[in-house]
Protein backbone atom coordinates (compact mmCIF):
# COMPACT_ATOMS: atom_id res chain seq x y z
CA MET A 1 32.39 -39.71 9.39
CA LYS A 2 31.61 -42.86 11.38
CA ASP A 3 29.68 -42.97 14.66
CA ALA A 4 32.07 -44.39 17.25
CA ARG A 5 29.27 -46.27 19.03
CA THR A 6 27.54 -47.92 16.06
CA GLY A 7 30.12 -47.82 13.28
CA HIS A 8 27.49 -46.33 10.94
CA HIS A 9 28.35 -43.51 8.60
CA VAL A 10 26.72 -40.31 9.81
CA ARG A 11 26.21 -36.83 8.47
CA VAL A 12 27.38 -33.97 10.62
CA ILE A 13 25.28 -30.86 11.02
CA ARG A 14 27.52 -27.91 11.69
CA GLY A 15 26.42 -24.89 13.65
CA ARG A 16 27.05 -24.05 17.27
CA GLY A 17 28.36 -27.55 17.79
CA GLU A 18 28.43 -30.80 15.92
CA MET A 19 25.65 -33.37 16.07
CA PRO A 20 25.97 -36.70 14.27
CA VAL A 21 22.71 -37.63 12.51
CA GLU A 22 22.12 -41.23 11.47
CA ALA A 23 18.52 -40.71 10.41
CA PRO A 24 15.88 -38.23 11.52
CA ASP A 25 13.42 -39.79 13.93
CA HIS A 26 10.97 -36.91 14.25
CA VAL A 27 10.74 -33.16 14.29
CA GLN A 28 8.55 -31.33 16.77
CA LEU A 29 7.19 -27.98 15.65
CA ALA A 30 5.38 -25.38 17.70
CA MET A 31 2.12 -23.91 16.45
CA PRO A 32 -0.25 -21.34 17.87
CA PRO A 33 -3.43 -22.63 19.55
CA GLY A 34 -5.96 -23.49 16.86
CA GLY A 35 -3.28 -23.88 14.17
CA GLU A 36 -4.06 -27.55 13.48
CA ASP A 37 -6.10 -26.93 10.31
CA ALA A 38 -3.33 -24.81 8.77
CA ALA A 39 -0.75 -27.46 9.73
CA ARG A 40 -2.89 -30.19 8.13
CA ARG A 41 -3.28 -28.17 4.93
CA PHE A 42 0.48 -27.65 4.71
CA TYR A 43 2.00 -30.93 5.94
CA ALA A 44 -0.67 -33.41 4.80
CA GLY A 45 -2.25 -31.47 1.94
CA LEU A 46 0.71 -29.73 0.30
CA LEU A 47 3.66 -31.92 1.32
CA GLY A 48 1.74 -35.22 1.46
CA ILE A 49 3.09 -36.22 4.88
CA PRO A 50 0.55 -38.48 6.58
CA GLU A 51 -0.99 -37.44 9.88
CA VAL A 52 -0.94 -40.01 12.68
CA PRO A 53 -2.75 -39.94 16.03
CA LYS A 54 -0.86 -38.16 18.78
CA PRO A 55 -0.01 -40.21 21.86
CA ALA A 56 -2.78 -39.83 24.46
CA HIS A 57 -0.58 -37.95 26.92
CA LEU A 58 0.20 -35.31 24.27
CA ALA A 59 -3.19 -35.12 22.54
CA GLU A 60 -4.71 -33.03 25.32
CA ARG A 61 -2.27 -30.22 24.49
CA GLY A 62 -3.66 -29.85 20.96
CA GLY A 63 -1.52 -29.83 17.85
CA CYS A 64 -1.11 -32.70 15.42
CA CYS A 65 1.49 -35.27 14.45
CA PHE A 66 2.85 -36.11 11.00
CA VAL A 67 5.31 -38.90 10.26
CA LEU A 68 7.59 -39.15 7.27
CA THR A 69 9.77 -42.25 6.98
CA LEU A 70 13.14 -41.45 5.46
CA SER A 71 15.76 -43.80 4.12
CA LEU A 72 19.29 -42.59 3.70
CA PRO A 73 21.35 -44.04 0.85
CA GLY A 74 23.47 -46.97 1.98
CA HIS A 75 21.45 -47.57 5.15
CA ALA A 76 19.17 -50.54 5.75
CA ASP A 77 15.75 -49.77 7.16
CA ARG A 78 15.56 -50.30 10.88
């Protein structure tokens, strides 16, 4: 399927509705207060996804941020 706005090929996630996905930008996950160490062990330690500093306006809420850069076949990096 092609995105009508960009002309890029997109994957469609089916469920309650359809949502064209060109490339994941980020995923936000909830965690209980104090769950940062467990999140670091899992995402950084086990999966190898690097942790990055949270933006200042979000850091005060706790939690942590991990970023994984993905490239989809046939797509140039942005």
